[in-house]
Amino acid sequence: MDVSVIGGGIVGLSAAYNLATRGADVTLFEKGSLGAGSTARAAGGIRAQFSTPVNVELSLASKSVWNSFEADFGVDIGLRKTGYLFLARSEAIAERFEENVRMQQRCGADSEFLTPDAATEYCPGLDPDPFVGATYNADDGIADPNLAVQGYAGAAREAGVDIRTGTAVTDLQCDGEQVTGVCVEDDGDTERHDSEFVVNAAGVWAGRVGAMAGVDLPISPRRRQIAVVDPSQAVGESVPLTIDLETGSYFRPERDGIALVGGHFDGPDPPQDPDRFDEDVDIDWAAEAVERAAAYTEYFGPETRIRRGWAGLYAVTPDHHPIIEQSAPGLVTAAGFSGHGFQHAPATGQVVAELVVDGEPSLVDVSMLDDDRFERGDALTEQNVA
């Protein structure tokens, strides 16, 4: 079985690797370099604290891969399980947090609901007064997306995947509704590549790829930013990635005494051209991110110095859940993760391989992640979005 994978980010590489280990003859096409899109700009979070079962299940299935990644792929991805801490300012959000924790526990996640004072045991610099509740999972953490790309790329090549970087897919071959391959541009020459299946793992470009087969995918590129700062007070490396959900603010420690601050705050959020967007951090936004973090922790304040930052793109769907489906005969889509693509890539790659080879997935039930859910009115709502 010949399969073409479009996209050399972490999702495309995971899909290519898993397909090859299932016996497929896989060619991966990436117009730039591997992991150079959204993956390279990801914060690297890995968590099970989502508000819908399917996202929790994708997380848990992915964690089993991340936990043994170094042993299985030969690459240390810098996995640090410092936990995630979600904070609620209102009783309504705290009640929702309690419901989420019960659901996460039913799925098998070790999440817990905390009082604000108890949350300070994990985040000593936290001011508990603005909050009425929190959730915490010690098994959540962070890893290095770029190292994960190296691990998957190496394993994919060893499994027989033909990885072609600098090779843009310019069109899909179609016979009626059946997708039969791709057209690519390599060094100015156009080449046709016949395939029984094409996997659209193009991230923020996935909508364009879908349109080549007449498929309208509601995936919109949205700009998000991260700032690297010297905090006013050292953030211990054991402090969790902490999210003030109702204000959109978050921060986490990095090594060598620095910290990351981020968040999407109220204001315009227009769709972006993924080929032409500002990759530099906005200094006004960075200052606001520090101010918001300073409002509820002791770690940040007037002495905090902004070192640098960057901007990347989320591939956002209307309900902040991915589209994982066979979108047309011969075309499988795995895109629109709305900022969760890195952490869900291991499970997604396995699900894609099952869709292609077996005709249906068995690892995780992703039937509710089809594109038609928006027309049916069955869209999900992921509420734990940062």
Protein backbone atom coordinates (compact mmCIF):
# COMPACT_ATOMS: atom_id res chain seq x y z
CA MET A 1 0.00 0.00 0.00
CA ASP A 2 1.45 3.33 -1.11
CA VAL A 3 0.68 6.30 1.16
CA SER A 4 1.65 9.95 0.77
CA VAL A 5 1.83 12.09 3.90
CA ILE A 6 1.63 15.85 3.50
CA GLY A 7 3.37 17.74 6.28
CA GLY A 8 6.64 17.20 8.13
CA GLY A 9 5.57 18.45 11.53
CA ILE A 10 5.20 16.17 14.52
CA VAL A 11 1.75 14.88 13.48
CA GLY A 12 2.85 14.04 9.93
CA LEU A 13 6.02 12.33 11.15
CA SER A 14 4.10 10.28 13.71
CA ALA A 15 1.60 9.25 11.04
CA ALA A 16 4.37 8.33 8.59
CA TYR A 17 6.24 6.28 11.19
CA ASN A 18 3.15 4.40 12.34
CA LEU A 19 2.04 3.70 8.78
CA ALA A 20 5.46 2.35 7.86
CA THR A 21 5.53 0.06 10.89
CA ARG A 22 2.17 -1.29 9.72
CA GLY A 23 3.71 -2.23 6.38
CA ALA A 24 2.78 0.75 4.20
CA ASP A 25 5.15 2.19 1.60
CA VAL A 26 5.25 5.80 2.82
CA THR A 27 6.51 8.99 1.25
CA LEU A 28 6.38 12.18 3.34
CA PHE A 29 6.38 15.54 1.58
CA GLU A 30 7.41 18.71 3.44
CA LYS A 31 7.76 21.99 1.59
CA GLY A 32 10.28 23.35 4.10
CA SER A 33 12.30 21.56 6.74
CA LEU A 34 11.01 19.04 9.25
CA GLY A 35 9.20 20.55 12.21
CA ALA A 36 9.73 24.11 10.99
CA GLY A 37 6.05 25.10 11.19
CA SER A 38 3.94 25.14 14.32
CA THR A 39 5.88 22.29 15.95
CA ALA A 40 9.05 24.37 16.23
CA ARG A 41 7.15 27.15 18.02
CA ALA A 42 5.19 24.96 20.42
CA ALA A 43 5.53 25.34 24.18
CA GLY A 44 5.91 21.57 24.52
CA GLY A 45 3.13 20.93 27.02
CA ILE A 46 1.82 17.40 27.62
CA ARG A 47 -1.32 17.14 29.74
CA ALA A 48 -4.40 15.07 30.42
CA GLN A 49 -6.43 17.93 31.88
CA PHE A 50 -8.93 18.52 29.10
CA SER A 51 -12.67 19.01 29.33
CA THR A 52 -13.80 16.29 26.87
CA PRO A 53 -13.18 12.54 27.08
CA VAL A 54 -11.78 12.24 23.55
CA ASN A 55 -9.03 14.78 24.29
CA VAL A 56 -8.21 13.05 27.58
CA GLU A 57 -8.05 9.69 25.82
CA LEU A 58 -5.79 11.08 23.09
CA SER A 59 -3.56 12.47 25.84
CA LEU A 60 -3.33 9.24 27.79
CA ALA A 61 -2.62 7.17 24.67
CA SER A 62 0.06 9.69 23.68
CA LYS A 63 1.60 9.77 27.16
CA SER A 64 2.32 6.05 26.97
CA VAL A 65 4.54 6.86 23.96
CA TRP A 66 6.12 9.99 25.44
CA ASN A 67 6.95 8.11 28.67
CA SER A 68 9.05 5.52 26.85
CA PHE A 69 10.22 7.72 23.96
CA GLU A 70 13.90 7.73 24.86
CA ALA A 71 14.00 3.94 25.22
CA ASP A 72 11.99 3.29 22.06
CA PHE A 73 13.31 6.05 19.76
CA GLY A 74 16.78 6.63 21.17
CA VAL A 75 16.28 10.37 21.73
CA ASP A 76 16.02 12.15 25.07
CA ILE A 77 13.19 14.66 24.55
CA GLY A 78 13.75 16.39 27.89
CA LEU A 79 10.50 15.12 29.37
CA ARG A 80 9.87 16.81 32.72
CA LYS A 81 6.78 15.91 34.72
CA THR A 82 6.33 19.10 36.70
CA GLY A 83 2.54 18.97 36.46
CA TYR A 84 -0.14 21.34 35.20
CA LEU A 85 -2.10 23.61 37.54
CA PHE A 86 -5.39 25.14 36.35
CA LEU A 87 -6.87 28.00 38.40
CA ALA A 88 -10.53 29.07 38.67
CA ARG A 89 -11.61 32.57 39.77
CA SER A 90 -15.38 31.97 39.77
CA GLU A 91 -17.59 29.39 41.42
CA ALA A 92 -19.04 28.43 38.03
CA ILE A 93 -15.60 27.57 36.63
CA ALA A 94 -14.63 25.77 39.85
CA GLU A 95 -17.74 23.59 39.58
CA ARG A 96 -16.85 22.83 35.98
CA PHE A 97 -13.33 21.94 37.10
CA GLU A 98 -14.73 19.43 39.59
CA GLU A 99 -16.81 17.83 36.83
CA ASN A 100 -13.76 17.73 34.56
CA VAL A 101 -11.68 16.02 37.23
CA ARG A 102 -14.31 13.33 37.75
CA MET A 103 -14.41 12.71 34.00
CA GLN A 104 -10.61 12.67 33.74
CA GLN A 105 -10.40 10.17 36.58
CA ARG A 106 -12.96 7.93 34.88
CA CYS A 107 -10.74 7.97 31.80
CA GLY A 108 -7.74 6.97 33.90
CA ALA A 109 -6.01 10.30 34.56
CA ASP A 110 -4.65 11.11 38.02
CA SER A 111 -6.12 14.61 38.24
CA GLU A 112 -7.29 16.15 41.49
CA PHE A 113 -9.37 19.13 42.56
CA LEU A 114 -7.67 21.50 45.02
CA THR A 115 -8.49 24.45 47.20
CA PRO A 116 -6.49 27.58 46.35
CA ASP A 117 -4.44 27.19 49.53
CA ALA A 118 -3.60 23.59 48.63
CA ALA A 119 -2.51 24.79 45.16
CA THR A 120 0.27 26.84 46.80
CA GLU A 121 1.92 23.58 47.86
CA TYR A 122 2.73 22.99 44.19
CA CYS A 123 3.15 26.65 43.21
CA PRO A 124 4.63 28.39 46.29
CA GLY A 125 4.62 31.84 44.68
CA LEU A 126 0.90 31.73 43.95
CA ASP A 127 -1.44 34.26 45.56
CA PRO A 128 -4.47 32.10 46.45
CA ASP A 129 -6.83 34.99 47.21
CA PRO A 130 -8.20 35.63 43.67
CA PHE A 131 -9.14 31.97 43.21
CA VAL A 132 -11.85 29.63 44.45
CA GLY A 133 -10.52 26.32 43.12
CA ALA A 134 -7.84 24.56 41.10
CA THR A 135 -7.01 21.29 39.39
CA TYR A 136 -3.65 19.56 39.32
CA ASN A 137 -2.13 16.51 37.67
CA ALA A 138 1.42 15.57 38.65
CA ASP A 139 1.81 13.36 35.57
CA ASP A 140 1.44 16.32 33.20
CA GLY A 141 4.57 18.10 32.04
CA ILE A 142 6.66 19.38 29.15
CA ALA A 143 9.08 18.09 26.53
CA ASP A 144 11.16 19.51 23.68
CA PRO A 145 9.21 19.40 20.38
CA ASN A 146 12.33 19.76 18.26
CA LEU A 147 13.98 16.75 19.86
CA ALA A 148 10.75 14.79 19.39
CA VAL A 149 10.84 15.66 15.68
CA GLN A 150 14.38 14.27 15.47
CA GLY A 151 13.30 11.06 17.18
CA TYR A 152 10.30 10.48 14.95
CA ALA A 153 12.21 11.43 11.78
CA GLY A 154 15.03 9.01 12.56
CA ALA A 155 12.63 6.18 13.38
CA ALA A 156 10.54 6.89 10.29
CA ARG A 157 13.59 6.69 8.02
CA GLU A 158 14.68 3.44 9.68
CA ALA A 159 11.17 2.08 9.06
CA GLY A 160 11.54 2.88 5.35
CA VAL A 161 9.78 6.24 5.02
CA ASP A 162 11.02 8.34 2.10
CA ILE A 163 11.18 11.84 3.61
CA ARG A 164 11.33 14.59 1.03
CA THR A 165 11.95 18.05 2.45
CA GLY A 166 11.92 21.17 0.28
CA THR A 167 9.17 19.49 -1.73
CA ALA A 168 5.83 21.29 -1.86
CA VAL A 169 2.57 19.54 -2.68
CA THR A 170 0.93 21.75 -5.30
CA ASP A 171 -2.20 19.69 -5.97
CA LEU A 172 -3.97 16.43 -5.30
CA GLN A 173 -4.64 13.90 -8.04
CA CYS A 174 -8.30 12.97 -8.15
CA ASP A 175 -10.40 10.53 -10.14
CA GLY A 176 -13.86 11.87 -9.46
CA GLU A 177 -14.15 11.97 -5.66
CA GLN A 178 -11.32 9.46 -5.22
CA VAL A 179 -7.96 10.96 -4.26
CA THR A 180 -5.28 9.01 -6.11
CA GLY A 181 -2.06 10.83 -5.29
CA VAL A 182 -0.24 14.13 -5.13
CA CYS A 183 1.48 16.54 -7.44
CA VAL A 184 4.68 17.98 -6.02
CA GLU A 185 7.21 20.59 -6.99
CA ASP A 186 10.85 19.68 -6.49
CA ASP A 187 13.60 22.00 -7.71
CA GLY A 188 11.16 23.63 -10.11
CA ASP A 189 10.00 20.36 -11.64
CA THR A 190 6.46 19.01 -11.23
CA GLU A 191 6.15 15.34 -10.35
CA ARG A 192 3.11 13.08 -9.94
CA HIS A 193 3.11 10.54 -7.15
CA ASP A 194 0.36 7.92 -7.21
CA SER A 195 -0.96 6.79 -3.82
CA GLU A 196 -3.76 4.64 -2.50
CA PHE A 197 -4.08 7.07 0.40
CA VAL A 198 -3.02 10.64 1.06
CA VAL A 199 -2.74 11.90 4.65
CA ASN A 200 -3.38 15.60 5.17
CA ALA A 201 -1.24 16.47 8.18
CA ALA A 202 -0.43 19.95 6.91
CA GLY A 203 -1.35 21.81 10.09
CA VAL A 204 -2.19 25.44 9.39
CA TRP A 205 -2.05 24.66 5.65
CA ALA A 206 -4.51 21.77 5.99
CA GLY A 207 -7.46 23.81 4.76
CA ARG A 208 -5.64 24.53 1.52
CA VAL A 209 -4.85 20.86 1.05
CA GLY A 210 -8.45 19.87 1.69
CA ALA A 211 -9.64 22.39 -0.89
CA MET A 212 -7.54 20.60 -3.52
CA ALA A 213 -9.98 17.70 -3.17
CA GLY A 214 -13.06 19.89 -2.86
CA VAL A 215 -13.17 19.40 0.93
CA ASP A 216 -13.96 22.48 3.03
CA LEU A 217 -12.12 22.12 6.34
CA PRO A 218 -12.90 24.82 8.96
CA ILE A 219 -9.28 25.17 10.08
CA SER A 220 -8.08 28.71 10.64
CA PRO A 221 -4.46 29.77 11.35
CA ARG A 222 -4.40 31.98 14.48
CA ARG A 223 -1.33 33.73 15.86
CA ARG A 224 -0.17 32.96 19.43
CA GLN A 225 2.87 34.26 21.31
CA ILE A 226 5.33 33.25 24.03
CA ALA A 227 7.80 35.46 25.92
CA VAL A 228 11.01 34.32 27.60
CA VAL A 229 11.70 36.34 30.74
CA ASP A 230 14.02 36.69 33.71
CA PRO A 231 11.51 36.59 36.57
CA SER A 232 11.70 38.90 39.57
CA GLN A 233 11.82 35.85 41.83
CA ALA A 234 13.20 32.50 40.79
CA VAL A 235 10.57 30.04 39.58
CA GLY A 236 11.64 26.63 40.83
CA GLU A 237 11.92 23.96 38.17
CA SER A 238 9.36 21.87 40.07
CA VAL A 239 6.69 24.57 39.72
CA PRO A 240 3.93 23.35 37.36
CA LEU A 241 2.79 24.98 34.17
CA THR A 242 0.21 27.27 35.77
CA ILE A 243 -2.85 28.59 33.94
CA ASP A 244 -5.20 31.32 35.15
CA LEU A 245 -7.91 30.07 32.84
CA GLU A 246 -10.35 32.98 33.05
CA THR A 247 -7.76 35.64 32.20
CA GLY A 248 -5.92 33.47 29.65
CA SER A 249 -2.57 33.91 31.41
CA TYR A 250 -0.06 31.11 31.90
CA PHE A 251 3.58 30.65 32.84
CA ARG A 252 6.06 27.87 33.42
CA PRO A 253 9.67 27.56 34.54
CA GLU A 254 12.47 26.90 32.12
CA ARG A 255 16.01 25.91 32.96
CA ASP A 256 18.73 28.28 34.15
CA GLY A 257 16.34 30.51 36.08
CA ILE A 258 14.30 31.78 33.15
CA ALA A 259 10.55 31.40 32.67
CA LEU A 260 8.02 31.42 29.87
CA VAL A 261 4.89 33.57 30.03
CA GLY A 262 2.06 33.47 27.56
CA GLY A 263 -1.64 33.55 26.92
CA HIS A 264 -4.23 34.75 24.48
CA PHE A 265 -6.03 37.81 25.83
CA ASP A 266 -9.13 39.63 24.70
CA GLY A 267 -8.77 41.48 21.43
CA PRO A 268 -8.69 40.92 17.67
CA ASP A 269 -7.77 37.42 16.57
CA PRO A 270 -7.85 37.52 12.78
CA PRO A 271 -6.89 34.53 10.64
CA GLN A 272 -3.30 34.63 9.41
CA ASP A 273 -1.56 33.78 6.18
CA PRO A 274 0.71 30.90 7.27
CA ASP A 275 3.25 31.87 4.63
CA ARG A 276 3.37 35.53 5.70
CA PHE A 277 2.87 36.29 9.38
CA ASP A 278 4.91 38.16 11.97
CA GLU A 279 7.03 35.62 13.85
CA ASP A 280 8.42 38.16 16.33
CA VAL A 281 6.85 38.76 19.72
CA ASP A 282 4.92 42.01 20.23
CA ILE A 283 6.61 43.91 23.05
CA ASP A 284 3.30 45.37 24.25
CA TRP A 285 1.80 41.91 24.41
CA ALA A 286 4.85 40.58 26.27
CA ALA A 287 4.58 43.39 28.82
CA GLU A 288 0.90 42.57 29.32
CA ALA A 289 1.67 38.86 29.70
CA VAL A 290 4.15 39.67 32.47
CA GLU A 291 1.67 42.03 34.16
CA ARG A 292 -1.08 39.43 34.10
CA ALA A 293 1.21 36.78 35.58
CA ALA A 294 2.37 39.27 38.22
CA ALA A 295 -1.24 39.83 39.30
CA TYR A 296 -1.49 36.37 40.83
CA THR A 297 2.09 35.26 41.55
CA GLU A 298 5.16 36.60 43.33
CA TYR A 299 7.46 35.49 40.54
CA PHE A 300 6.92 38.45 38.24
CA GLY A 301 6.91 42.20 38.73
CA PRO A 302 8.58 45.48 37.73
CA GLU A 303 12.04 43.86 37.88
CA THR A 304 11.11 41.14 35.40
CA ARG A 305 13.15 41.48 32.23
CA ILE A 306 11.86 40.33 28.86
CA ARG A 307 14.64 38.47 27.07
CA ARG A 308 13.03 37.46 23.81
CA GLY A 309 9.97 35.74 22.43
CA TRP A 310 8.33 34.32 19.37
CA ALA A 311 5.01 33.88 17.64
CA GLY A 312 3.58 30.80 16.00
CA LEU A 313 0.27 29.63 14.63
CA TYR A 314 -2.46 27.45 16.07
CA ALA A 315 -4.53 25.52 13.51
CA VAL A 316 -7.87 26.33 15.13
CA THR A 317 -11.25 24.69 14.56
CA PRO A 318 -14.54 26.19 15.81
CA ASP A 319 -14.66 23.80 18.79
CA HIS A 320 -10.89 23.55 19.47
CA HIS A 321 -10.84 19.85 18.61
CA PRO A 322 -8.97 18.32 15.68
CA ILE A 323 -10.49 16.85 12.55
CA ILE A 324 -9.42 13.20 12.31
CA GLU A 325 -11.30 11.36 9.60
CA GLN A 326 -11.37 10.06 6.06
CA SER A 327 -12.50 13.31 4.44
CA ALA A 328 -12.86 11.85 0.95
CA PRO A 329 -12.12 8.45 -0.57
CA GLY A 330 -8.37 8.09 -0.32
CA LEU A 331 -7.88 11.25 1.78
CA VAL A 332 -7.34 11.08 5.56
CA THR A 333 -7.22 14.32 7.54
CA ALA A 334 -5.39 14.79 10.85
CA ALA A 335 -5.27 18.51 11.52
CA GLY A 336 -6.83 21.41 13.42
CA PHE A 337 -5.50 20.54 16.87
CA SER A 338 -5.89 24.12 18.11
CA GLY A 339 -2.59 24.13 19.97
CA HIS A 340 -2.63 20.48 21.10
CA GLY A 341 -1.00 18.84 18.09
CA PHE A 342 2.38 18.22 19.68
CA GLN A 343 1.08 16.44 22.73
CA HIS A 344 -1.52 14.39 20.81
CA ALA A 345 0.77 13.44 17.92
CA PRO A 346 1.73 9.93 19.11
CA ALA A 347 -1.86 8.74 19.45
CA THR A 348 -2.91 10.56 16.29
CA GLY A 349 -0.25 8.82 14.23
CA GLN A 350 -1.48 5.46 15.45
CA VAL A 351 -5.11 6.36 14.72
CA VAL A 352 -4.20 7.50 11.20
CA ALA A 353 -2.44 4.20 10.55
CA GLU A 354 -5.51 2.32 11.77
CA LEU A 355 -7.81 4.37 9.53
CA VAL A 356 -5.65 3.65 6.49
CA VAL A 357 -4.71 0.02 7.12
CA ASP A 358 -7.70 -1.29 9.07
CA GLY A 359 -10.43 1.04 7.85
CA GLU A 360 -11.35 2.18 11.37
CA PRO A 361 -9.50 3.19 14.53
CA SER A 362 -9.30 1.07 17.66
CA LEU A 363 -6.83 2.95 19.90
CA VAL A 364 -9.21 5.86 20.53
CA ASP A 365 -12.78 6.36 19.30
CA VAL A 366 -12.45 9.50 17.16
CA SER A 367 -15.80 9.16 15.38
CA MET A 368 -16.95 12.45 16.92
CA LEU A 369 -13.97 14.29 15.36
CA ASP A 370 -15.28 14.15 11.79
CA ASP A 371 -15.72 17.39 9.87
CA ASP A 372 -19.49 16.85 9.50
CA ARG A 373 -20.00 17.48 13.21
CA PHE A 374 -20.19 21.21 12.57
CA GLU A 375 -23.06 20.85 10.09
CA ARG A 376 -24.84 18.34 12.33
CA GLY A 377 -24.62 20.68 15.29
CA ASP A 378 -22.59 18.10 17.22
CA ALA A 379 -19.48 20.21 17.71
CA LEU A 380 -17.62 19.57 20.96
CA THR A 381 -16.43 22.29 23.29
CA GLU A 382 -12.90 22.18 24.69
CA GLN A 383 -12.93 24.61 27.59
CA ASN A 384 -9.39 24.14 28.89
CA VAL A 385 -7.68 26.17 26.18
CA ALA A 386 -4.68 28.40 26.80
